[in-house]
Amino acid sequence: MKNLVSIEKISEILDINVKTIYDWTSTRKIPHYKLGRLVKFDVDEVMAWLQSCEVKVYNRGTGGKSQFRR
């Protein structure tokens, strides 16, 4: 069973402005469900989506290994 939450709750969980969440739903950027006029979010799906958005930075000069300066 899905754990559906409101736009206000997902905004609180992600610490992102409600207007931004509305923008993301209108462009279908964030996974959501439309129940009539209601917009609901499955917390597990949103967290999986968030992980897929992770950007990893590699230093090309070290063959992909991170390099620290001293």
PDB file of N, CA and C in Angstrom:
ATOM      1  N   MET A   1       0.838  -1.188   0.000  1.00  0.00           N
ATOM      2  CA  MET A   1       0.000   0.000   0.000  1.00  0.00           C
ATOM      3  C   MET A   1       0.878   1.244   0.000  1.00  0.00           C
ATOM      4  N   LYS A   2       0.486   2.219  -0.761  1.00  0.00           N
ATOM      5  CA  LYS A   2       1.267   3.445  -0.892  1.00  0.00           C
ATOM      6  C   LYS A   2       0.994   4.385   0.281  1.00  0.00           C
ATOM      7  N   ASN A   3       2.040   5.078   0.680  1.00  0.00           N
ATOM      8  CA  ASN A   3       1.948   6.068   1.748  1.00  0.00           C
ATOM      9  C   ASN A   3       1.855   7.444   1.083  1.00  0.00           C
ATOM     10  N   LEU A   4       0.633   7.880   0.742  1.00  0.00           N
ATOM     11  CA  LEU A   4       0.437   9.144   0.035  1.00  0.00           C
ATOM     12  C   LEU A   4       0.339  10.304   1.009  1.00  0.00           C
ATOM     13  N   VAL A   5       1.048  11.386   0.668  1.00  0.00           N
ATOM     14  CA  VAL A   5       1.046  12.583   1.506  1.00  0.00           C
ATOM     15  C   VAL A   5       0.708  13.796   0.649  1.00  0.00           C
ATOM     16  N   SER A   6       0.350  14.875   1.319  1.00  0.00           N
ATOM     17  CA  SER A   6      -0.033  16.121   0.644  1.00  0.00           C
ATOM     18  C   SER A   6       1.195  16.867   0.122  1.00  0.00           C
ATOM     19  N   ILE A   7       0.918  17.871  -0.679  1.00  0.00           N
ATOM     20  CA  ILE A   7       1.997  18.707  -1.213  1.00  0.00           C
ATOM     21  C   ILE A   7       2.692  19.466  -0.093  1.00  0.00           C
ATOM     22  N   GLU A   8       1.942  19.862   0.925  1.00  0.00           N
ATOM     23  CA  GLU A   8       2.543  20.563   2.060  1.00  0.00           C
ATOM     24  C   GLU A   8       3.499  19.644   2.819  1.00  0.00           C
ATOM     25  N   LYS A   9       3.106  18.375   2.985  1.00  0.00           N
ATOM     26  CA  LYS A   9       3.940  17.425   3.721  1.00  0.00           C
ATOM     27  C   LYS A   9       5.213  17.102   2.934  1.00  0.00           C
ATOM     28  N   ILE A  10       5.104  16.880   1.617  1.00  0.00           N
ATOM     29  CA  ILE A  10       6.299  16.560   0.828  1.00  0.00           C
ATOM     30  C   ILE A  10       7.212  17.776   0.762  1.00  0.00           C
ATOM     31  N   SER A  11       6.628  18.975   0.769  1.00  0.00           N
ATOM     32  CA  SER A  11       7.411  20.204   0.813  1.00  0.00           C
ATOM     33  C   SER A  11       8.207  20.266   2.112  1.00  0.00           C
ATOM     34  N   GLU A  12       7.568  19.886   3.199  1.00  0.00           N
ATOM     35  CA  GLU A  12       8.229  19.871   4.510  1.00  0.00           C
ATOM     36  C   GLU A  12       9.329  18.803   4.559  1.00  0.00           C
ATOM     37  N   ILE A  13       9.046  17.620   4.036  1.00  0.00           N
ATOM     38  CA  ILE A  13      10.021  16.526   4.039  1.00  0.00           C
ATOM     39  C   ILE A  13      11.265  16.906   3.252  1.00  0.00           C
ATOM     40  N   LEU A  14      11.058  17.513   2.067  1.00  0.00           N
ATOM     41  CA  LEU A  14      12.180  17.875   1.197  1.00  0.00           C
ATOM     42  C   LEU A  14      12.784  19.231   1.533  1.00  0.00           C
ATOM     43  N   ASP A  15      12.106  20.002   2.396  1.00  0.00           N
ATOM     44  CA  ASP A  15      12.524  21.362   2.740  1.00  0.00           C
ATOM     45  C   ASP A  15      12.633  22.222   1.482  1.00  0.00           C
ATOM     46  N   ILE A  16      11.562  22.147   0.675  1.00  0.00           N
ATOM     47  CA  ILE A  16      11.474  22.889  -0.578  1.00  0.00           C
ATOM     48  C   ILE A  16      10.144  23.629  -0.581  1.00  0.00           C
ATOM     49  N   ASN A  17      10.140  24.842  -1.100  1.00  0.00           N
ATOM     50  CA  ASN A  17       8.947  25.687  -1.146  1.00  0.00           C
ATOM     51  C   ASN A  17       7.798  24.983  -1.874  1.00  0.00           C
ATOM     52  N   VAL A  18       6.577  25.148  -1.364  1.00  0.00           N
ATOM     53  CA  VAL A  18       5.388  24.534  -1.960  1.00  0.00           C
ATOM     54  C   VAL A  18       5.232  24.949  -3.420  1.00  0.00           C
ATOM     55  N   LYS A  19       5.498  26.217  -3.730  1.00  0.00           N
ATOM     56  CA  LYS A  19       5.372  26.695  -5.109  1.00  0.00           C
ATOM     57  C   LYS A  19       6.303  25.930  -6.039  1.00  0.00           C
ATOM     58  N   THR A  20       7.511  25.626  -5.572  1.00  0.00           N
ATOM     59  CA  THR A  20       8.457  24.853  -6.379  1.00  0.00           C
ATOM     60  C   THR A  20       7.909  23.459  -6.637  1.00  0.00           C
ATOM     61  N   ILE A  21       7.314  22.839  -5.624  1.00  0.00           N
ATOM     62  CA  ILE A  21       6.721  21.511  -5.802  1.00  0.00           C
ATOM     63  C   ILE A  21       5.590  21.578  -6.826  1.00  0.00           C
ATOM     64  N   TYR A  22       4.745  22.614  -6.743  1.00  0.00           N
ATOM     65  CA  TYR A  22       3.684  22.788  -7.737  1.00  0.00           C
ATOM     66  C   TYR A  22       4.276  22.930  -9.140  1.00  0.00           C
ATOM     67  N   ASP A  23       5.345  23.699  -9.274  1.00  0.00           N
ATOM     68  CA  ASP A  23       6.006  23.855 -10.574  1.00  0.00           C
ATOM     69  C   ASP A  23       6.506  22.507 -11.089  1.00  0.00           C
ATOM     70  N   TRP A  24       7.109  21.720 -10.206  1.00  0.00           N
ATOM     71  CA  TRP A  24       7.625  20.409 -10.599  1.00  0.00           C
ATOM     72  C   TRP A  24       6.505  19.458 -11.013  1.00  0.00           C
ATOM     73  N   THR A  25       5.344  19.542 -10.357  1.00  0.00           N
ATOM     74  CA  THR A  25       4.235  18.665 -10.740  1.00  0.00           C
ATOM     75  C   THR A  25       3.668  19.083 -12.094  1.00  0.00           C
ATOM     76  N   SER A  26       3.595  20.385 -12.346  1.00  0.00           N
ATOM     77  CA  SER A  26       3.027  20.844 -13.619  1.00  0.00           C
ATOM     78  C   SER A  26       3.928  20.486 -14.797  1.00  0.00           C
ATOM     79  N   THR A  27       5.213  20.334 -14.557  1.00  0.00           N
ATOM     80  CA  THR A  27       6.151  19.931 -15.623  1.00  0.00           C
ATOM     81  C   THR A  27       6.473  18.434 -15.547  1.00  0.00           C
ATOM     82  N   ARG A  28       5.784  17.728 -14.643  1.00  0.00           N
ATOM     83  CA  ARG A  28       5.952  16.277 -14.458  1.00  0.00           C
ATOM     84  C   ARG A  28       7.395  15.901 -14.117  1.00  0.00           C
ATOM     85  N   LYS A  29       8.043  16.752 -13.374  1.00  0.00           N
ATOM     86  CA  LYS A  29       9.424  16.514 -12.966  1.00  0.00           C
ATOM     87  C   LYS A  29       9.494  15.586 -11.755  1.00  0.00           C
ATOM     88  N   ILE A  30       8.547  15.687 -10.840  1.00  0.00           N
ATOM     89  CA  ILE A  30       8.533  14.908  -9.609  1.00  0.00           C
ATOM     90  C   ILE A  30       7.375  13.896  -9.694  1.00  0.00           C
ATOM     91  N   PRO A  31       7.587  12.659  -9.257  1.00  0.00           N
ATOM     92  CA  PRO A  31       6.490  11.683  -9.309  1.00  0.00           C
ATOM     93  C   PRO A  31       5.351  12.072  -8.361  1.00  0.00           C
ATOM     94  N   HIS A  32       4.131  12.019  -8.876  1.00  0.00           N
ATOM     95  CA  HIS A  32       2.961  12.398  -8.085  1.00  0.00           C
ATOM     96  C   HIS A  32       1.711  11.739  -8.630  1.00  0.00           C
ATOM     97  N   TYR A  33       0.636  11.842  -7.876  1.00  0.00           N
ATOM     98  CA  TYR A  33      -0.660  11.297  -8.250  1.00  0.00           C
ATOM     99  C   TYR A  33      -1.690  12.408  -8.226  1.00  0.00           C
ATOM    100  N   LYS A  34      -2.563  12.432  -9.230  1.00  0.00           N
ATOM    101  CA  LYS A  34      -3.663  13.392  -9.254  1.00  0.00           C
ATOM    102  C   LYS A  34      -4.930  12.629  -8.913  1.00  0.00           C
ATOM    103  N   LEU A  35      -5.586  13.039  -7.851  1.00  0.00           N
ATOM    104  CA  LEU A  35      -6.855  12.459  -7.428  1.00  0.00           C
ATOM    105  C   LEU A  35      -7.901  13.563  -7.533  1.00  0.00           C
ATOM    106  N   GLY A  36      -8.481  13.684  -8.708  1.00  0.00           N
ATOM    107  CA  GLY A  36      -9.355  14.825  -8.960  1.00  0.00           C
ATOM    108  C   GLY A  36      -8.503  16.081  -8.982  1.00  0.00           C
ATOM    109  N   ARG A  37      -8.797  16.994  -8.079  1.00  0.00           N
ATOM    110  CA  ARG A  37      -7.998  18.219  -7.981  1.00  0.00           C
ATOM    111  C   ARG A  37      -6.868  18.105  -6.969  1.00  0.00           C
ATOM    112  N   LEU A  38      -6.844  17.006  -6.223  1.00  0.00           N
ATOM    113  CA  LEU A  38      -5.802  16.807  -5.217  1.00  0.00           C
ATOM    114  C   LEU A  38      -4.521  16.270  -5.851  1.00  0.00           C
ATOM    115  N   VAL A  39      -3.402  16.725  -5.341  1.00  0.00           N
ATOM    116  CA  VAL A  39      -2.096  16.208  -5.748  1.00  0.00           C
ATOM    117  C   VAL A  39      -1.510  15.504  -4.532  1.00  0.00           C
ATOM    118  N   LYS A  40      -1.122  14.234  -4.712  1.00  0.00           N
ATOM    119  CA  LYS A  40      -0.560  13.443  -3.619  1.00  0.00           C
ATOM    120  C   LYS A  40       0.769  12.852  -4.060  1.00  0.00           C
ATOM    121  N   PHE A  41       1.602  12.532  -3.070  1.00  0.00           N
ATOM    122  CA  PHE A  41       2.945  12.020  -3.328  1.00  0.00           C
ATOM    123  C   PHE A  41       3.183  10.765  -2.513  1.00  0.00           C
ATOM    124  N   ASP A  42       3.821   9.764  -3.138  1.00  0.00           N
ATOM    125  CA  ASP A  42       4.262   8.575  -2.423  1.00  0.00           C
ATOM    126  C   ASP A  42       5.677   8.884  -1.930  1.00  0.00           C
ATOM    127  N   VAL A  43       5.876   8.892  -0.643  1.00  0.00           N
ATOM    128  CA  VAL A  43       7.159   9.291  -0.054  1.00  0.00           C
ATOM    129  C   VAL A  43       8.296   8.416  -0.584  1.00  0.00           C
ATOM    130  N   ASP A  44       8.081   7.097  -0.669  1.00  0.00           N
ATOM    131  CA  ASP A  44       9.134   6.197  -1.155  1.00  0.00           C
ATOM    132  C   ASP A  44       9.500   6.498  -2.605  1.00  0.00           C
ATOM    133  N   GLU A  45       8.506   6.771  -3.449  1.00  0.00           N
ATOM    134  CA  GLU A  45       8.780   7.101  -4.851  1.00  0.00           C
ATOM    135  C   GLU A  45       9.540   8.417  -4.972  1.00  0.00           C
ATOM    136  N   VAL A  46       9.170   9.396  -4.172  1.00  0.00           N
ATOM    137  CA  VAL A  46       9.849  10.694  -4.224  1.00  0.00           C
ATOM    138  C   VAL A  46      11.293  10.548  -3.752  1.00  0.00           C
ATOM    139  N   MET A  47      11.531   9.754  -2.720  1.00  0.00           N
ATOM    140  CA  MET A  47      12.901   9.551  -2.232  1.00  0.00           C
ATOM    141  C   MET A  47      13.750   8.816  -3.271  1.00  0.00           C
ATOM    142  N   ALA A  48      13.172   7.833  -3.963  1.00  0.00           N
ATOM    143  CA  ALA A  48      13.891   7.134  -5.027  1.00  0.00           C
ATOM    144  C   ALA A  48      14.198   8.095  -6.174  1.00  0.00           C
ATOM    145  N   TRP A  49      13.227   8.954  -6.521  1.00  0.00           N
ATOM    146  CA  TRP A  49      13.444   9.957  -7.559  1.00  0.00           C
ATOM    147  C   TRP A  49      14.561  10.909  -7.152  1.00  0.00           C
ATOM    148  N   LEU A  50      14.559  11.310  -5.890  1.00  0.00           N
ATOM    149  CA  LEU A  50      15.575  12.223  -5.386  1.00  0.00           C
ATOM    150  C   LEU A  50      16.969  11.611  -5.507  1.00  0.00           C
ATOM    151  N   GLN A  51      17.088  10.326  -5.191  1.00  0.00           N
ATOM    152  CA  GLN A  51      18.386   9.651  -5.316  1.00  0.00           C
ATOM    153  C   GLN A  51      18.832   9.597  -6.778  1.00  0.00           C
ATOM    154  N   SER A  52      17.886   9.446  -7.694  1.00  0.00           N
ATOM    155  CA  SER A  52      18.244   9.387  -9.115  1.00  0.00           C
ATOM    156  C   SER A  52      18.724  10.745  -9.626  1.00  0.00           C
ATOM    157  N   CYS A  53      18.448  11.808  -8.882  1.00  0.00           N
ATOM    158  CA  CYS A  53      18.866  13.156  -9.270  1.00  0.00           C
ATOM    159  C   CYS A  53      20.259  13.504  -8.752  1.00  0.00           C
ATOM    160  N   GLU A  54      20.857  12.613  -7.975  1.00  0.00           N
ATOM    161  CA  GLU A  54      22.159  12.897  -7.367  1.00  0.00           C
ATOM    162  C   GLU A  54      23.209  13.118  -8.445  1.00  0.00           C
ATOM    163  N   VAL A  55      24.017  14.134  -8.257  1.00  0.00           N
ATOM    164  CA  VAL A  55      25.102  14.443  -9.182  1.00  0.00           C
ATOM    165  C   VAL A  55      26.410  14.111  -8.489  1.00  0.00           C
ATOM    166  N   LYS A  56      27.186  13.245  -9.122  1.00  0.00           N
ATOM    167  CA  LYS A  56      28.484  12.881  -8.572  1.00  0.00           C
ATOM    168  C   LYS A  56      29.553  13.621  -9.350  1.00  0.00           C
ATOM    169  N   VAL A  57      30.477  14.210  -8.631  1.00  0.00           N
ATOM    170  CA  VAL A  57      31.523  15.003  -9.260  1.00  0.00           C
ATOM    171  C   VAL A  57      32.833  14.234  -9.177  1.00  0.00           C
ATOM    172  N   TYR A  58      33.453  14.073 -10.310  1.00  0.00           N
ATOM    173  CA  TYR A  58      34.733  13.377 -10.376  1.00  0.00           C
ATOM    174  C   TYR A  58      35.777  14.310 -10.973  1.00  0.00           C
ATOM    175  N   ASN A  59      36.984  14.149 -10.538  1.00  0.00           N
ATOM    176  CA  ASN A  59      38.095  14.919 -11.081  1.00  0.00           C
ATOM    177  C   ASN A  59      38.672  14.122 -12.247  1.00  0.00           C
ATOM    178  N   ARG A  60      38.529  14.638 -13.468  1.00  0.00           N
ATOM    179  CA  ARG A  60      38.979  13.917 -14.666  1.00  0.00           C
ATOM    180  C   ARG A  60      40.481  13.696 -14.685  1.00  0.00           C
ATOM    181  N   GLY A  61      41.230  14.593 -14.071  1.00  0.00           N
ATOM    182  CA  GLY A  61      42.686  14.478 -14.089  1.00  0.00           C
ATOM    183  C   GLY A  61      43.229  13.336 -13.238  1.00  0.00           C
ATOM    184  N   THR A  62      42.423  12.756 -12.401  1.00  0.00           N
ATOM    185  CA  THR A  62      42.890  11.673 -11.525  1.00  0.00           C
ATOM    186  C   THR A  62      42.225  10.342 -11.872  1.00  0.00           C
ATOM    187  N   GLY A  63      41.679  10.243 -13.093  1.00  0.00           N
ATOM    188  CA  GLY A  63      41.050   8.999 -13.485  1.00  0.00           C
ATOM    189  C   GLY A  63      39.768   8.718 -12.737  1.00  0.00           C
ATOM    190  N   GLY A  64      39.060   9.748 -12.307  1.00  0.00           N
ATOM    191  CA  GLY A  64      37.788   9.560 -11.619  1.00  0.00           C
ATOM    192  C   GLY A  64      37.897   9.510 -10.116  1.00  0.00           C
ATOM    193  N   LYS A  65      39.133   9.500  -9.596  1.00  0.00           N
ATOM    194  CA  LYS A  65      39.312   9.469  -8.134  1.00  0.00           C
ATOM    195  C   LYS A  65      39.358  10.883  -7.603  1.00  0.00           C
ATOM    196  N   SER A  66      38.792  11.068  -6.451  1.00  0.00           N
ATOM    197  CA  SER A  66      38.820  12.401  -5.881  1.00  0.00           C
ATOM    198  C   SER A  66      40.254  12.746  -5.446  1.00  0.00           C
ATOM    199  N   GLN A  67      40.551  14.003  -5.486  1.00  0.00           N
ATOM    200  CA  GLN A  67      41.892  14.471  -5.157  1.00  0.00           C
ATOM    201  C   GLN A  67      41.778  15.614  -4.159  1.00  0.00           C
ATOM    202  N   PHE A  68      42.569  15.539  -3.109  1.00  0.00           N
ATOM    203  CA  PHE A  68      42.550  16.577  -2.087  1.00  0.00           C
ATOM    204  C   PHE A  68      43.834  17.382  -2.177  1.00  0.00           C
ATOM    205  N   ARG A  69      43.689  18.684  -2.004  1.00  0.00           N
ATOM    206  CA  ARG A  69      44.876  19.555  -2.000  1.00  0.00           C
ATOM    207  C   ARG A  69      45.280  19.808  -0.584  1.00  0.00           C
ATOM    208  N   ARG A  70      46.562  19.930  -0.358  1.00  0.00           N
ATOM    209  CA  ARG A  70      47.074  20.242   0.972  1.00  0.00           C
ATOM    210  C   ARG A  70      47.749  21.561   0.972  1.00  0.00           C
TER     211      ARG A  70
END
